[in-house]
């Protein structure tokens, strides 16, 4: 599906698709992190596959359950971090995908039960010079009491996780 947009669930925010089309809405914390992954078509293909088949998330240490093996609009995803009773789950739904010659990725939005409300995208681009870049773009704000309590810490953790995903993707694509 090339350039698809669709939702089936009850997303917890407005501005669906803003991580794809912009601009990011006011009233949210914004995240924009870009990492150079490598160089060449093979790196691009490997990175794009790792992003859209959930391998990047799983390899980074997050728990992940998805209703399909590949990102497509309407696919439900639950990302989790932590252990035992300290495990936090974050239910999402893929709201858009892009599978193009030089661009691959998706965006997902938050569902009820997610500690934040908003949208996050993960995109791999192959530039004209052959360089391959990974971008995480997001807007979010607290939805649960504990994310409101940690409001100042959450953006720091989100930036750390975006960097971790970039490093993980670089390792996957180089293998």
C-alpha atoms as a PDB file:
ATOM      1  CA  UNK A   1       0.000   0.000   0.000  1.00  0.00           C
ATOM      2  CA  UNK A   2       1.667   3.201  -1.106  1.00  0.00           C
ATOM      3  CA  UNK A   3       0.978   6.341   0.871  1.00  0.00           C
ATOM      4  CA  UNK A   4      -2.003   4.898   2.733  1.00  0.00           C
ATOM      5  CA  UNK A   5      -3.992   6.588   5.490  1.00  0.00           C
ATOM      6  CA  UNK A   6      -6.745   4.855   7.478  1.00  0.00           C
ATOM      7  CA  UNK A   7      -7.873   4.318  11.040  1.00  0.00           C
ATOM      8  CA  UNK A   8     -10.221   1.762  12.559  1.00  0.00           C
ATOM      9  CA  UNK A   9      -9.987   2.508  16.277  1.00  0.00           C
ATOM     10  CA  UNK A  10     -10.751   5.293  18.646  1.00  0.00           C
ATOM     11  CA  UNK A  11      -7.656   7.413  18.606  1.00  0.00           C
ATOM     12  CA  UNK A  12      -7.182   9.663  21.623  1.00  0.00           C
ATOM     13  CA  UNK A  13      -6.154  12.820  19.754  1.00  0.00           C
ATOM     14  CA  UNK A  14      -7.008  15.090  16.850  1.00  0.00           C
ATOM     15  CA  UNK A  15      -4.660  16.025  14.012  1.00  0.00           C
ATOM     16  CA  UNK A  16      -4.383  12.434  12.782  1.00  0.00           C
ATOM     17  CA  UNK A  17      -1.604  12.248  10.196  1.00  0.00           C
ATOM     18  CA  UNK A  18       0.215  15.379  11.353  1.00  0.00           C
ATOM     19  CA  UNK A  19       3.504  13.433  11.620  1.00  0.00           C
ATOM     20  CA  UNK A  20       3.175  12.742   7.908  1.00  0.00           C
ATOM     21  CA  UNK A  21       1.783  15.984   6.527  1.00  0.00           C
ATOM     22  CA  UNK A  22       2.558  18.535   9.257  1.00  0.00           C
ATOM     23  CA  UNK A  23       2.486  20.891  10.866  1.00  0.00           C
ATOM     24  CA  UNK A  24       2.727  19.392  14.329  1.00  0.00           C
ATOM     25  CA  UNK A  25      -0.127  20.735  16.441  1.00  0.00           C
ATOM     26  CA  UNK A  26       0.262  23.289  19.212  1.00  0.00           C
ATOM     27  CA  UNK A  27      -0.417  22.247  22.790  1.00  0.00           C
ATOM     28  CA  UNK A  28       1.787  19.143  22.596  1.00  0.00           C
ATOM     29  CA  UNK A  29       5.437  18.389  23.259  1.00  0.00           C
ATOM     30  CA  UNK A  30       7.232  17.892  19.943  1.00  0.00           C
ATOM     31  CA  UNK A  31      10.035  15.467  19.144  1.00  0.00           C
ATOM     32  CA  UNK A  32      12.118  15.559  15.962  1.00  0.00           C
ATOM     33  CA  UNK A  33      15.172  13.315  15.934  1.00  0.00           C
ATOM     34  CA  UNK A  34      17.161  12.352  12.829  1.00  0.00           C
ATOM     35  CA  UNK A  35      20.029   9.853  12.668  1.00  0.00           C
ATOM     36  CA  UNK A  36      22.267   8.956   9.742  1.00  0.00           C
ATOM     37  CA  UNK A  37      22.038   5.173   9.326  1.00  0.00           C
ATOM     38  CA  UNK A  38      24.534   4.567   6.554  1.00  0.00           C
ATOM     39  CA  UNK A  39      24.883   4.703   2.796  1.00  0.00           C
ATOM     40  CA  UNK A  40      23.357   2.940  -0.180  1.00  0.00           C
ATOM     41  CA  UNK A  41      20.274   1.117  -1.408  1.00  0.00           C
ATOM     42  CA  UNK A  42      21.045  -2.057   0.594  1.00  0.00           C
ATOM     43  CA  UNK A  43      21.211  -0.098   3.861  1.00  0.00           C
ATOM     44  CA  UNK A  44      17.968   1.689   2.975  1.00  0.00           C
ATOM     45  CA  UNK A  45      16.182  -1.591   2.196  1.00  0.00           C
ATOM     46  CA  UNK A  46      17.402  -3.282   5.385  1.00  0.00           C
ATOM     47  CA  UNK A  47      16.514  -0.284   7.561  1.00  0.00           C
ATOM     48  CA  UNK A  48      13.080   0.128   5.979  1.00  0.00           C
ATOM     49  CA  UNK A  49      12.282  -3.543   6.518  1.00  0.00           C
ATOM     50  CA  UNK A  50      13.447  -3.393  10.154  1.00  0.00           C
ATOM     51  CA  UNK A  51      11.226  -0.376  10.832  1.00  0.00           C
ATOM     52  CA  UNK A  52       8.069  -1.695   9.168  1.00  0.00           C
ATOM     53  CA  UNK A  53       8.314  -5.284  10.468  1.00  0.00           C
ATOM     54  CA  UNK A  54       8.787  -4.162  14.109  1.00  0.00           C
ATOM     55  CA  UNK A  55      12.345  -5.570  14.257  1.00  0.00           C
ATOM     56  CA  UNK A  56      13.816  -2.181  15.187  1.00  0.00           C
ATOM     57  CA  UNK A  57      11.523  -1.838  18.220  1.00  0.00           C
ATOM     58  CA  UNK A  58      12.030  -5.420  19.365  1.00  0.00           C
ATOM     59  CA  UNK A  59      15.814  -5.294  18.951  1.00  0.00           C
ATOM     60  CA  UNK A  60      15.941  -2.063  20.948  1.00  0.00           C
ATOM     61  CA  UNK A  61      14.574  -3.944  23.967  1.00  0.00           C
ATOM     62  CA  UNK A  62      10.925  -2.911  23.856  1.00  0.00           C
ATOM     63  CA  UNK A  63       8.207  -5.496  24.069  1.00  0.00           C
ATOM     64  CA  UNK A  64       5.953  -5.365  21.044  1.00  0.00           C
ATOM     65  CA  UNK A  65       2.787  -7.145  20.015  1.00  0.00           C
ATOM     66  CA  UNK A  66       1.194  -6.362  16.668  1.00  0.00           C
ATOM     67  CA  UNK A  67      -1.922  -7.560  14.881  1.00  0.00           C
ATOM     68  CA  UNK A  68       0.089  -7.987  11.645  1.00  0.00           C
ATOM     69  CA  UNK A  69       3.658  -8.774  10.664  1.00  0.00           C
ATOM     70  CA  UNK A  70       4.098  -5.471   8.817  1.00  0.00           C
ATOM     71  CA  UNK A  71       2.976  -1.882   9.370  1.00  0.00           C
ATOM     72  CA  UNK A  72      -0.223  -1.080   7.471  1.00  0.00           C
ATOM     73  CA  UNK A  73      -3.008   1.348   8.347  1.00  0.00           C
ATOM     74  CA  UNK A  74      -5.337  -0.146  10.952  1.00  0.00           C
ATOM     75  CA  UNK A  75      -2.735  -2.504  12.456  1.00  0.00           C
ATOM     76  CA  UNK A  76      -2.875  -2.482  16.248  1.00  0.00           C
ATOM     77  CA  UNK A  77       0.445  -2.325  18.089  1.00  0.00           C
ATOM     78  CA  UNK A  78       1.202  -2.516  21.795  1.00  0.00           C
ATOM     79  CA  UNK A  79       4.665  -1.393  22.830  1.00  0.00           C
ATOM     80  CA  UNK A  80       5.744  -2.115  26.396  1.00  0.00           C
ATOM     81  CA  UNK A  81       8.714  -1.273  28.576  1.00  0.00           C
ATOM     82  CA  UNK A  82       9.697  -2.211  32.097  1.00  0.00           C
ATOM     83  CA  UNK A  83       9.433  -5.466  34.009  1.00  0.00           C
ATOM     84  CA  UNK A  84       6.815  -7.153  36.139  1.00  0.00           C
ATOM     85  CA  UNK A  85       4.438  -4.779  37.905  1.00  0.00           C
ATOM     86  CA  UNK A  86       6.495  -1.826  36.620  1.00  0.00           C
ATOM     87  CA  UNK A  87       5.724  -2.715  32.986  1.00  0.00           C
ATOM     88  CA  UNK A  88       4.010   0.089  31.058  1.00  0.00           C
ATOM     89  CA  UNK A  89       2.043  -0.780  27.929  1.00  0.00           C
ATOM     90  CA  UNK A  90       1.253   1.678  25.185  1.00  0.00           C
ATOM     91  CA  UNK A  91      -1.521   0.659  22.741  1.00  0.00           C
ATOM     92  CA  UNK A  92      -1.363   2.319  19.325  1.00  0.00           C
ATOM     93  CA  UNK A  93      -2.791   1.997  15.849  1.00  0.00           C
ATOM     94  CA  UNK A  94      -0.932   2.556  12.587  1.00  0.00           C
ATOM     95  CA  UNK A  95      -2.598   5.569  10.937  1.00  0.00           C
ATOM     96  CA  UNK A  96      -0.428   5.957   7.846  1.00  0.00           C
ATOM     97  CA  UNK A  97       2.302   4.181   5.922  1.00  0.00           C
ATOM     98  CA  UNK A  98       4.673   5.036   3.135  1.00  0.00           C
ATOM     99  CA  UNK A  99       6.353   2.414   0.957  1.00  0.00           C
ATOM    100  CA  UNK A 100       8.101   4.359  -1.784  1.00  0.00           C
ATOM    101  CA  UNK A 101      11.302   3.952  -3.786  1.00  0.00           C
ATOM    102  CA  UNK A 102      13.339   6.229  -1.493  1.00  0.00           C
ATOM    103  CA  UNK A 103      11.080   6.496   1.584  1.00  0.00           C
ATOM    104  CA  UNK A 104       9.678   3.842   3.918  1.00  0.00           C
ATOM    105  CA  UNK A 105       7.923   4.116   7.254  1.00  0.00           C
ATOM    106  CA  UNK A 106       4.771   4.617   9.226  1.00  0.00           C
ATOM    107  CA  UNK A 107       3.049   6.662  11.870  1.00  0.00           C
ATOM    108  CA  UNK A 108       0.956   5.385  14.724  1.00  0.00           C
ATOM    109  CA  UNK A 109      -1.446   7.098  17.042  1.00  0.00           C
ATOM    110  CA  UNK A 110      -2.380   6.513  20.654  1.00  0.00           C
ATOM    111  CA  UNK A 111      -5.394   4.496  21.752  1.00  0.00           C
ATOM    112  CA  UNK A 112      -7.169   4.437  25.135  1.00  0.00           C
ATOM    113  CA  UNK A 113      -4.829   3.103  27.818  1.00  0.00           C
ATOM    114  CA  UNK A 114      -1.700   4.739  26.386  1.00  0.00           C
ATOM    115  CA  UNK A 115       0.116   6.902  28.977  1.00  0.00           C
ATOM    116  CA  UNK A 116       0.393   9.715  26.407  1.00  0.00           C
ATOM    117  CA  UNK A 117      -1.900  11.067  23.728  1.00  0.00           C
ATOM    118  CA  UNK A 118      -0.537  11.887  20.288  1.00  0.00           C
ATOM    119  CA  UNK A 119       1.226  10.438  17.273  1.00  0.00           C
ATOM    120  CA  UNK A 120       4.713   9.203  16.421  1.00  0.00           C
ATOM    121  CA  UNK A 121       6.316   8.315  13.104  1.00  0.00           C
ATOM    122  CA  UNK A 122       9.360   6.297  12.084  1.00  0.00           C
ATOM    123  CA  UNK A 123      10.678   6.957   8.574  1.00  0.00           C
ATOM    124  CA  UNK A 124      13.756   5.902   6.613  1.00  0.00           C
ATOM    125  CA  UNK A 125      14.849   8.095   3.671  1.00  0.00           C
ATOM    126  CA  UNK A 126      17.415   7.471   0.943  1.00  0.00           C
ATOM    127  CA  UNK A 127      18.805  10.847  -0.145  1.00  0.00           C
ATOM    128  CA  UNK A 128      20.151  11.689  -3.607  1.00  0.00           C
ATOM    129  CA  UNK A 129      23.751  11.445  -2.353  1.00  0.00           C
ATOM    130  CA  UNK A 130      23.109   7.840  -1.232  1.00  0.00           C
ATOM    131  CA  UNK A 131      22.992   8.641   2.487  1.00  0.00           C
ATOM    132  CA  UNK A 132      20.301   6.895   4.518  1.00  0.00           C
ATOM    133  CA  UNK A 133      18.535   8.749   7.320  1.00  0.00           C
ATOM    134  CA  UNK A 134      16.108   7.653  10.021  1.00  0.00           C
ATOM    135  CA  UNK A 135      13.674  10.176  11.502  1.00  0.00           C
ATOM    136  CA  UNK A 136      11.419   9.971  14.526  1.00  0.00           C
ATOM    137  CA  UNK A 137       8.782  12.703  14.575  1.00  0.00           C
ATOM    138  CA  UNK A 138       6.171  12.946  17.320  1.00  0.00           C
ATOM    139  CA  UNK A 139       3.743  15.102  19.199  1.00  0.00           C
ATOM    140  CA  UNK A 140       2.423  14.051  22.581  1.00  0.00           C
ATOM    141  CA  UNK A 141       1.127  15.141  25.936  1.00  0.00           C
ATOM    142  CA  UNK A 142       0.387  13.236  29.149  1.00  0.00           C
ATOM    143  CA  UNK A 143      -2.787  11.168  29.376  1.00  0.00           C
ATOM    144  CA  UNK A 144      -2.212   9.050  32.514  1.00  0.00           C
ATOM    145  CA  UNK A 145      -1.635  10.325  36.042  1.00  0.00           C
ATOM    146  CA  UNK A 146       1.912   8.966  36.110  1.00  0.00           C
ATOM    147  CA  UNK A 147       2.863  10.607  32.814  1.00  0.00           C
ATOM    148  CA  UNK A 148       1.408  13.894  34.095  1.00  0.00           C
ATOM    149  CA  UNK A 149       3.418  13.455  37.287  1.00  0.00           C
ATOM    150  CA  UNK A 150       6.579  12.851  35.227  1.00  0.00           C
ATOM    151  CA  UNK A 151       5.795  15.509  32.623  1.00  0.00           C
ATOM    152  CA  UNK A 152       9.317  16.983  32.758  1.00  0.00           C
ATOM    153  CA  UNK A 153      10.989  13.562  32.497  1.00  0.00           C
ATOM    154  CA  UNK A 154       8.880  12.070  29.681  1.00  0.00           C
ATOM    155  CA  UNK A 155      10.338  14.246  26.856  1.00  0.00           C
ATOM    156  CA  UNK A 156      13.856  13.350  28.020  1.00  0.00           C
ATOM    157  CA  UNK A 157      12.970   9.635  27.911  1.00  0.00           C
ATOM    158  CA  UNK A 158      11.374  10.039  24.475  1.00  0.00           C
ATOM    159  CA  UNK A 159      14.532  11.683  23.080  1.00  0.00           C
ATOM    160  CA  UNK A 160      16.672   8.927  24.653  1.00  0.00           C
ATOM    161  CA  UNK A 161      14.457   6.233  23.101  1.00  0.00           C
ATOM    162  CA  UNK A 162      14.569   7.927  19.654  1.00  0.00           C
ATOM    163  CA  UNK A 163      18.384   7.952  19.815  1.00  0.00           C
ATOM    164  CA  UNK A 164      18.365   4.303  20.928  1.00  0.00           C
ATOM    165  CA  UNK A 165      16.158   3.372  17.960  1.00  0.00           C
ATOM    166  CA  UNK A 166      18.560   5.164  15.614  1.00  0.00           C
ATOM    167  CA  UNK A 167      21.573   3.303  17.017  1.00  0.00           C
ATOM    168  CA  UNK A 168      19.683  -0.002  16.866  1.00  0.00           C
ATOM    169  CA  UNK A 169      18.647   0.609  13.274  1.00  0.00           C
ATOM    170  CA  UNK A 170      22.212   1.501  12.270  1.00  0.00           C
ATOM    171  CA  UNK A 171      23.433  -1.837  13.699  1.00  0.00           C
ATOM    172  CA  UNK A 172      20.667  -3.794  11.965  1.00  0.00           C
ATOM    173  CA  UNK A 173      21.264  -2.134   8.593  1.00  0.00           C
ATOM    174  CA  UNK A 174      25.047  -2.656   8.788  1.00  0.00           C
ATOM    175  CA  UNK A 175      24.745  -6.393   9.503  1.00  0.00           C
END
